[in-house]
Protein backbone atom coordinates (compact mmCIF):
# COMPACT_ATOMS: atom_id res chain seq x y z
CA MET A 1 109.33 -30.63 107.57
CA SER A 2 107.82 -31.26 110.84
CA SER A 3 107.90 -27.35 110.60
CA ASN A 4 105.30 -27.16 107.89
CA LEU A 5 103.33 -30.48 109.59
CA THR A 6 103.05 -28.66 112.67
CA THR A 7 101.57 -25.19 110.46
CA LEU A 8 99.13 -27.59 109.04
CA VAL A 9 97.90 -29.37 112.03
CA ILE A 10 97.08 -25.58 113.97
CA LEU A 11 95.74 -24.67 110.09
CA VAL A 12 92.95 -27.73 109.61
CA THR A 13 92.32 -27.52 113.78
CA LEU A 14 91.17 -23.74 113.47
CA LEU A 15 89.22 -24.38 110.87
CA HIS A 16 87.07 -26.91 112.50
CA VAL A 17 86.87 -24.87 115.41
CA GLY A 18 85.53 -22.01 112.93
CA VAL A 19 82.93 -24.34 111.55
CA PHE A 20 82.05 -25.82 115.11
CA VAL A 21 81.40 -22.15 116.48
CA ILE A 22 79.22 -21.41 113.56
CA MET A 23 77.44 -24.20 113.50
CA ILE A 24 76.54 -23.68 117.01
CA MET A 25 75.70 -20.11 116.57
CA ILE A 26 72.99 -21.37 113.69
CA ARG A 27 71.56 -23.50 115.85
CA LEU A 28 71.02 -21.17 119.07
CA ARG A 29 69.55 -18.59 116.46
CA ARG A 30 67.12 -21.52 115.13
CA ASP A 31 66.18 -22.30 118.76
CA GLU A 32 65.87 -18.78 119.89
CA PRO A 33 62.46 -17.97 120.65
CA GLY A 34 60.05 -15.96 118.40
CA THR A 35 62.72 -16.15 115.49
CA ALA A 36 60.16 -18.54 113.43
CA GLY A 37 57.03 -16.69 114.31
CA GLU A 38 53.83 -18.90 114.12
CA SER A 39 55.10 -21.99 112.52
CA ALA A 40 57.67 -22.67 115.66
CA LYS A 41 54.50 -24.45 117.54
CA ILE A 42 53.84 -27.75 116.74
CA LYS A 43 50.63 -28.48 115.16
CA SER A 44 48.11 -31.69 115.04
CA CYS A 45 46.96 -33.17 111.96
CA ALA A 46 43.95 -32.68 111.14
CA VAL A 47 42.85 -36.12 111.04
CA CYS A 48 44.94 -38.18 113.33
CA SER A 49 45.79 -35.26 115.66
CA GLN A 50 49.62 -36.68 115.67
CA PRO A 51 52.34 -33.93 115.02
CA ALA A 52 52.06 -32.36 111.74
CA THR A 53 55.04 -32.34 109.22
CA HIS A 54 53.31 -30.27 106.68
CA LEU A 55 50.13 -28.40 104.85
CA GLY A 56 47.61 -30.09 102.82
CA TYR A 57 45.33 -28.40 100.48
CA ASP A 58 41.54 -29.03 101.30
CA GLY A 59 40.59 -28.90 97.54
CA LEU A 60 37.69 -25.94 98.39
CA ASP A 61 38.98 -22.93 97.40
CA PRO A 62 36.61 -21.54 94.65
CA ASP A 63 39.21 -19.77 92.95
CA GLU A 64 41.02 -22.84 92.79
CA ARG A 65 44.37 -22.89 90.66
CA HIS A 66 46.06 -25.44 88.76
CA ASP A 67 49.91 -25.97 87.88
CA PRO A 68 50.60 -25.94 84.54
CA HIS A 69 53.33 -28.18 84.80
CA THR A 70 51.97 -31.16 87.30
CA GLY A 71 48.31 -30.46 86.77
CA ARG A 72 48.02 -30.29 90.74
CA SER A 73 45.12 -27.88 92.01
CA TYR A 74 46.59 -25.57 94.69
CA SER A 75 44.91 -22.31 96.42
CA ILE A 76 46.62 -18.97 96.90
CA ASP A 77 44.51 -18.37 99.71
CA MET A 78 46.41 -20.15 102.85
CA THR A 79 43.14 -20.93 105.05
CA HIS A 80 42.25 -23.70 102.53
CA TYR A 81 44.96 -25.42 104.17
CA GLN A 82 44.94 -27.99 106.96
CA PRO A 83 48.26 -29.18 108.73
CA LEU A 84 48.85 -33.11 108.01
CA CYS A 85 51.33 -35.66 109.54
CA ALA A 86 53.37 -37.93 107.23
CA THR A 87 50.73 -40.69 107.21
CA HIS A 88 48.16 -38.20 105.71
């Protein structure tokens, strides 16, 4: 009985170590410079200069499109999107 318990403890420990190593590899790969390109740079909100969290459509595209499900307008031209903070 003790042998089975020891084997189980060893297997669970190896599983935890393996998951830990994978998590470290993912973290290191994500933090490598140049892997995320332009999106890795922190941009300022176009309204208040706080750190931006998303891009917002400015509504100025002459070829504006509308989502048939939600009715929201959008543009396929990325120059019509500005960085905005969570407040805006």
